[in-house]
Amino acid sequence: MSVLAVVEHRRGALRDVSFELVTAGAELAEQAGEELHLAIIGGDVDAFAEELSLSGVDAIHTVAEGDEFNHDVYVQAVTALAEELDPTFVLMGNTVNGLDYAPAVADVLELPLVTDAIELGYEDGLVATREMYASKVQSTIEVDADRAAVTIRPGEWDDTEDAGEPGIEAFDFDLDESRVRSTVTGFEEVGSGDVDITDADILVSVGRGIEEEENLELVQDLADALGATLSSSRPIVDNGWLPKDRQVGQSGKVVTPKVYLAIGISGAVQHVAGMKGAETIIAVNTDPDAPIFDIADYGVVGDLFDVVPELIEQFS
């Protein structure tokens, strides 16, 4: 018996959620007394397999079909592999790609599907923790089935770094080309496209406390002084002051930088859902009761127009 985790890649590189799937899968496999198997579909499968040869992984199955994600290929490949391995659980990322094909995989395999899990456990069956009501409460789900498909939320598990020696083997199956009805012809960046905030080590994020668009320049100066990337909460994007690709939160991007400096951000649950995985959180807000202070490692109660210039002077 096994846990099967399907990793992700895009434009020649493994996505962060792939390494989190290893951690989540290894923990679940250990609790359930099973092996962890990874599936790599498309792209440079040999290079990806080498990169994913990590502690806790027992076997890696490579499927050399295509270069980029394709719904029809993934559904066929994952279901064919699952039919051969007969896994107890199939893990996928709760990502744009994962949510595209996971429901179809669960349907074909006739498995219950649990989405957006932030914690997994095994107690005579799968126990999954999810957030509900805009992340205001957590719910624990005991799956009343021997097997299940699960998508995990990115940013909730640490990466696995220790090397391992899993077996690596190619998995061949009869791909039905007539059922592959789409193909990736290219990528087009949206918004400014100049940065990817998910790759930043330091993020300076600004909220409605900045008051006016012209005041963004002050926070940008701080980001420059720190060698950081500028991001924001949703109101800034809704006002058209920054592009969508700078938005952190439930309806934006999930980020896990080493340092997250929140400037004038109250800490609504929708925003916190996108940044609570940061290693160190620093908040600046005039309201001592602002929710952001509940998760901040360090906090400054003060006017950002007083605090930010002082920080710029210190780090310039």
Protein backbone atom coordinates (compact mmCIF):
# COMPACT_ATOMS: atom_id res chain seq x y z
CA MET A 1 0.00 0.00 0.00
CA SER A 2 1.18 3.53 -0.67
CA VAL A 3 0.58 7.25 -0.71
CA LEU A 4 0.89 8.66 -4.24
CA ALA A 5 1.84 12.34 -4.54
CA VAL A 6 1.70 14.05 -7.94
CA VAL A 7 4.30 16.82 -8.19
CA GLU A 8 4.14 19.96 -10.32
CA HIS A 9 6.50 21.81 -12.61
CA ARG A 10 6.24 24.80 -14.91
CA ARG A 11 8.54 26.16 -17.58
CA GLY A 12 11.37 23.79 -16.75
CA ALA A 13 11.36 24.09 -12.95
CA LEU A 14 9.70 22.23 -10.12
CA ARG A 15 7.17 24.31 -8.23
CA ASP A 16 7.52 24.81 -4.47
CA VAL A 17 4.39 22.79 -3.80
CA SER A 18 6.21 19.70 -5.12
CA PHE A 19 8.58 19.73 -2.16
CA GLU A 20 5.71 20.41 0.23
CA LEU A 21 3.91 17.38 -1.23
CA VAL A 22 6.96 15.31 -0.33
CA THR A 23 6.80 16.50 3.29
CA ALA A 24 3.04 16.06 3.59
CA GLY A 25 3.13 12.71 1.83
CA ALA A 26 6.01 11.37 3.93
CA GLU A 27 4.29 12.35 7.17
CA LEU A 28 1.02 10.74 6.12
CA ALA A 29 2.75 7.61 4.80
CA GLU A 30 4.66 7.17 8.06
CA GLN A 31 1.49 7.50 10.15
CA ALA A 32 -0.39 5.07 7.91
CA GLY A 33 2.53 2.62 7.76
CA GLU A 34 2.81 2.90 3.98
CA GLU A 35 5.32 3.93 1.32
CA LEU A 36 5.47 7.30 -0.42
CA HIS A 37 5.51 7.23 -4.21
CA LEU A 38 5.90 10.32 -6.39
CA ALA A 39 4.57 10.82 -9.90
CA ILE A 40 6.38 13.17 -12.29
CA ILE A 41 4.48 13.81 -15.49
CA GLY A 42 6.10 15.59 -18.43
CA GLY A 43 9.06 17.93 -18.65
CA ASP A 44 12.62 16.89 -17.86
CA VAL A 45 11.49 13.94 -15.78
CA ASP A 46 15.02 12.63 -15.16
CA ALA A 47 16.28 15.95 -13.79
CA PHE A 48 13.14 16.38 -11.70
CA ALA A 49 13.49 12.86 -10.31
CA GLU A 50 17.04 13.57 -9.24
CA GLU A 51 15.95 16.78 -7.52
CA LEU A 52 13.13 14.96 -5.73
CA SER A 53 15.26 12.08 -4.48
CA LEU A 54 14.63 13.11 -0.90
CA SER A 55 14.30 11.48 2.48
CA GLY A 56 10.90 9.87 2.95
CA VAL A 57 10.40 9.10 -0.74
CA ASP A 58 10.36 5.37 -1.49
CA ALA A 59 9.79 5.41 -5.24
CA ILE A 60 9.52 7.87 -8.11
CA HIS A 61 7.55 7.14 -11.27
CA THR A 62 8.31 9.23 -14.34
CA VAL A 63 5.92 9.71 -17.24
CA ALA A 64 7.62 11.25 -20.28
CA GLU A 65 4.54 12.81 -21.88
CA GLY A 66 4.74 16.44 -23.01
CA ASP A 67 6.59 19.45 -21.63
CA GLU A 68 3.93 21.36 -19.70
CA PHE A 69 0.80 20.59 -17.71
CA ASN A 70 -2.05 19.18 -19.74
CA HIS A 71 -5.35 18.24 -18.12
CA ASP A 72 -6.08 15.28 -20.36
CA VAL A 73 -2.57 13.82 -20.07
CA TYR A 74 -2.46 14.22 -16.29
CA VAL A 75 -5.86 12.60 -15.76
CA GLN A 76 -4.93 9.61 -17.88
CA ALA A 77 -1.45 9.25 -16.40
CA VAL A 78 -2.46 9.60 -12.75
CA THR A 79 -5.42 7.25 -13.04
CA ALA A 80 -3.35 4.65 -14.91
CA LEU A 81 -0.60 4.83 -12.29
CA ALA A 82 -3.13 4.68 -9.45
CA GLU A 83 -4.79 1.64 -10.98
CA GLU A 84 -1.39 -0.10 -11.00
CA LEU A 85 -0.17 1.01 -7.55
CA ASP A 86 -3.56 0.92 -5.82
CA PRO A 87 -2.62 3.76 -3.43
CA THR A 88 -4.57 4.48 -0.28
CA PHE A 89 -4.28 8.23 -0.82
CA VAL A 90 -3.56 10.39 -3.86
CA LEU A 91 -2.09 13.80 -2.96
CA MET A 92 -2.08 16.79 -5.31
CA GLY A 93 -1.49 20.51 -4.94
CA ASN A 94 -4.36 22.87 -4.28
CA THR A 95 -3.11 24.99 -7.15
CA VAL A 96 -4.45 26.18 -10.49
CA ASN A 97 -3.21 22.95 -12.05
CA GLY A 98 -4.21 20.70 -9.17
CA LEU A 99 -7.76 22.00 -9.00
CA ASP A 100 -7.98 21.54 -12.76
CA TYR A 101 -7.37 17.79 -12.82
CA ALA A 102 -7.88 16.55 -9.22
CA PRO A 103 -11.70 16.39 -9.43
CA ALA A 104 -11.47 14.38 -12.66
CA VAL A 105 -8.97 11.96 -11.12
CA ALA A 106 -11.16 11.49 -8.06
CA ASP A 107 -14.18 10.91 -10.30
CA VAL A 108 -12.47 8.30 -12.48
CA LEU A 109 -11.03 6.47 -9.47
CA GLU A 110 -14.31 6.84 -7.54
CA LEU A 111 -12.56 8.46 -4.57
CA PRO A 112 -13.87 11.08 -2.15
CA LEU A 113 -12.02 14.37 -2.69
CA VAL A 114 -10.81 16.62 0.13
CA THR A 115 -9.55 20.00 -1.10
CA ASP A 116 -7.34 22.72 0.38
CA ALA A 117 -6.08 20.68 3.35
CA ILE A 118 -3.72 22.52 5.70
CA GLU A 119 -2.94 19.49 7.88
CA LEU A 120 -3.20 15.73 7.41
CA GLY A 121 -3.18 12.86 9.85
CA TYR A 122 -4.08 9.20 10.08
CA GLU A 123 -6.19 7.67 12.85
CA ASP A 124 -7.73 4.49 11.47
CA GLY A 125 -8.43 6.63 8.41
CA LEU A 126 -7.63 10.00 6.92
CA VAL A 127 -8.07 13.07 9.12
CA ALA A 128 -7.79 16.39 7.30
CA THR A 129 -7.86 19.94 8.63
CA ARG A 130 -9.39 22.68 6.47
CA GLU A 131 -10.20 26.34 7.01
CA MET A 132 -13.74 27.58 6.55
CA TYR A 133 -15.67 30.85 6.52
CA ALA A 134 -12.85 32.90 4.97
CA SER A 135 -10.27 31.17 7.22
CA LYS A 136 -12.04 32.31 10.40
CA VAL A 137 -12.39 28.75 11.71
CA GLN A 138 -10.67 25.42 11.21
CA SER A 139 -12.59 22.21 10.72
CA THR A 140 -11.37 18.65 11.15
CA ILE A 141 -12.70 16.13 8.66
CA GLU A 142 -12.62 12.39 9.28
CA VAL A 143 -12.96 10.74 5.90
CA ASP A 144 -15.35 7.80 6.08
CA ALA A 145 -13.62 5.81 3.36
CA ASP A 146 -10.57 3.58 3.09
CA ARG A 147 -9.10 5.67 0.25
CA ALA A 148 -9.23 9.30 -0.76
CA ALA A 149 -7.86 11.99 -3.03
CA VAL A 150 -6.56 15.17 -1.38
CA THR A 151 -5.28 18.56 -2.47
CA ILE A 152 -2.97 20.40 -0.06
CA ARG A 153 -2.69 24.17 0.32
CA PRO A 154 0.73 25.52 -0.73
CA GLY A 155 2.77 27.15 2.01
CA GLU A 156 1.53 24.95 4.87
CA TRP A 157 4.34 22.39 4.91
CA ASP A 158 8.09 22.95 5.09
CA ASP A 159 10.31 21.76 2.25
CA THR A 160 12.14 18.47 2.66
CA GLU A 161 15.89 18.99 2.30
CA ASP A 162 17.52 15.70 3.38
CA ALA A 163 18.65 13.51 0.50
CA GLY A 164 17.23 10.05 -0.03
CA GLU A 165 17.67 7.10 -2.37
CA PRO A 166 14.29 6.22 -3.83
CA GLY A 167 13.90 3.83 -6.69
CA ILE A 168 13.28 5.64 -9.99
CA GLU A 169 11.49 3.97 -12.86
CA ALA A 170 9.67 5.03 -16.00
CA PHE A 171 5.96 4.36 -16.12
CA ASP A 172 4.59 3.53 -19.53
CA PHE A 173 0.89 3.45 -20.34
CA ASP A 174 -1.23 3.68 -23.45
CA LEU A 175 -2.07 7.35 -23.80
CA ASP A 176 -5.31 7.82 -25.70
CA GLU A 177 -4.36 10.70 -28.00
CA SER A 178 -7.99 11.15 -29.07
CA ARG A 179 -8.78 12.27 -25.52
CA VAL A 180 -6.02 14.90 -25.47
CA ARG A 181 -7.97 17.87 -26.75
CA SER A 182 -5.72 20.78 -25.82
CA THR A 183 -2.07 21.75 -25.82
CA VAL A 184 0.09 24.52 -24.34
CA THR A 185 1.30 26.84 -27.08
CA GLY A 186 3.02 29.42 -24.89
CA PHE A 187 2.91 31.59 -21.79
CA GLU A 188 1.88 35.21 -21.46
CA GLU A 189 2.65 37.13 -18.29
CA VAL A 190 -0.19 39.15 -16.77
CA GLY A 191 0.05 42.43 -14.90
CA SER A 192 3.48 44.01 -14.77
CA GLY A 193 5.19 40.63 -15.07
CA ASP A 194 8.41 42.13 -13.71
CA VAL A 195 8.63 40.10 -10.51
CA ASP A 196 7.30 36.96 -8.90
CA ILE A 197 6.53 37.76 -5.28
CA THR A 198 6.45 34.06 -4.42
CA ASP A 199 10.22 33.90 -5.05
CA ALA A 200 11.14 36.88 -2.85
CA ASP A 201 13.15 36.40 0.34
CA ILE A 202 11.97 39.72 1.75
CA LEU A 203 8.57 41.28 1.06
CA VAL A 204 7.48 44.76 2.07
CA SER A 205 3.71 44.67 1.80
CA VAL A 206 1.45 47.70 1.96
CA GLY A 207 -2.21 48.05 2.86
CA ARG A 208 -4.95 50.65 2.93
CA GLY A 209 -3.05 52.53 5.65
CA ILE A 210 -0.97 54.11 2.88
CA GLU A 211 -4.06 56.28 2.20
CA GLU A 212 -3.10 57.61 -1.25
CA GLU A 213 -1.40 56.19 -4.34
CA GLU A 214 1.40 58.74 -4.34
CA ASN A 215 2.45 57.51 -0.89
CA LEU A 216 3.45 54.15 -2.41
CA GLU A 217 6.74 55.75 -3.37
CA LEU A 218 7.69 55.93 0.32
CA VAL A 219 7.16 52.20 0.81
CA GLN A 220 8.97 51.44 -2.44
CA ASP A 221 11.94 53.40 -1.08
CA LEU A 222 11.92 51.17 1.99
CA ALA A 223 11.76 48.05 -0.18
CA ASP A 224 14.73 49.32 -2.18
CA ALA A 225 16.70 50.03 1.00
CA LEU A 226 16.06 46.49 2.23
CA GLY A 227 16.66 44.82 -1.13
CA ALA A 228 13.07 43.65 -0.89
CA THR A 229 10.11 43.22 -3.24
CA LEU A 230 6.97 45.33 -2.94
CA SER A 231 3.66 43.53 -2.49
CA SER A 232 0.25 44.50 -1.15
CA SER A 233 -3.09 43.57 0.31
CA ARG A 234 -6.21 43.46 -1.86
CA PRO A 235 -7.46 47.06 -1.42
CA ILE A 236 -4.32 48.40 -3.08
CA VAL A 237 -4.90 46.21 -6.13
CA ASP A 238 -8.64 46.94 -6.17
CA ASN A 239 -7.79 50.65 -6.30
CA GLY A 240 -5.54 50.02 -9.30
CA TRP A 241 -2.43 51.25 -7.48
CA LEU A 242 -0.50 47.99 -8.00
CA PRO A 243 -1.05 45.12 -10.46
CA LYS A 244 -2.75 41.88 -9.49
CA ASP A 245 0.51 39.93 -9.45
CA ARG A 246 1.59 41.92 -6.37
CA GLN A 247 -1.42 40.87 -4.28
CA VAL A 248 -0.91 38.61 -1.27
CA GLY A 249 -3.85 36.72 0.19
CA GLN A 250 -6.62 34.26 -0.36
CA SER A 251 -7.57 35.82 -3.70
CA GLY A 252 -3.95 36.66 -4.54
CA LYS A 253 -0.76 34.70 -4.03
CA VAL A 254 0.49 32.56 -1.15
CA VAL A 255 3.99 33.66 -0.14
CA THR A 256 6.56 32.24 2.26
CA PRO A 257 9.43 34.74 2.42
CA LYS A 258 12.09 34.82 5.09
CA VAL A 259 10.82 38.25 6.16
CA TYR A 260 7.36 39.75 5.63
CA LEU A 261 7.06 43.41 6.61
CA ALA A 262 3.39 44.47 6.71
CA ILE A 263 2.95 48.24 6.47
CA GLY A 264 -0.51 49.63 7.22
CA ILE A 265 -2.18 46.21 6.89
CA SER A 266 -4.86 45.38 9.46
CA GLY A 267 -4.55 41.62 9.08
CA ALA A 268 -7.87 40.44 7.67
CA VAL A 269 -8.11 36.66 7.54
CA GLN A 270 -8.14 36.70 3.74
CA HIS A 271 -4.74 38.42 3.70
CA VAL A 272 -3.27 36.36 6.53
CA ALA A 273 -4.10 33.17 4.63
CA GLY A 274 -1.56 34.22 2.00
CA MET A 275 1.39 35.16 4.23
CA LYS A 276 1.20 33.35 7.55
CA GLY A 277 3.85 30.89 6.39
CA ALA A 278 6.56 33.58 6.38
CA GLU A 279 9.53 32.81 8.63
CA THR A 280 9.46 36.23 10.32
CA ILE A 281 6.50 38.63 10.27
CA ILE A 282 6.92 42.29 11.21
CA ALA A 283 3.92 44.61 11.39
CA VAL A 284 3.56 48.39 11.51
CA ASN A 285 0.10 49.69 12.36
CA THR A 286 -1.43 52.54 14.35
CA ASP A 287 -4.05 50.24 15.90
CA PRO A 288 -2.62 48.16 18.79
CA ASP A 289 -5.57 45.80 18.46
CA ALA A 290 -5.09 45.15 14.75
CA PRO A 291 -5.35 41.39 13.99
CA ILE A 292 -1.98 41.48 12.21
CA PHE A 293 -0.28 41.71 15.61
CA ASP A 294 -1.75 38.33 16.58
CA ILE A 295 0.55 36.58 14.11
CA ALA A 296 3.45 39.05 13.97
CA ASP A 297 6.81 38.11 15.48
CA TYR A 298 7.61 41.80 15.91
CA GLY A 299 5.24 44.75 15.92
CA VAL A 300 5.48 48.53 15.88
CA VAL A 301 2.45 50.50 17.00
CA GLY A 302 2.91 53.77 15.17
CA ASP A 303 2.14 55.87 12.15
CA LEU A 304 3.78 54.39 9.05
CA PHE A 305 4.60 57.91 7.87
CA ASP A 306 6.81 58.26 10.94
CA VAL A 307 8.15 54.70 11.10
CA VAL A 308 8.97 54.08 7.43
CA PRO A 309 11.28 57.10 6.98
CA GLU A 310 13.18 56.04 10.11
CA LEU A 311 13.61 52.53 8.70
CA ILE A 312 14.79 53.91 5.36
CA GLU A 313 17.40 56.00 7.15
CA GLN A 314 18.58 52.99 9.16
CA PHE A 315 18.99 50.70 6.17
CA SER A 316 20.14 53.14 3.49
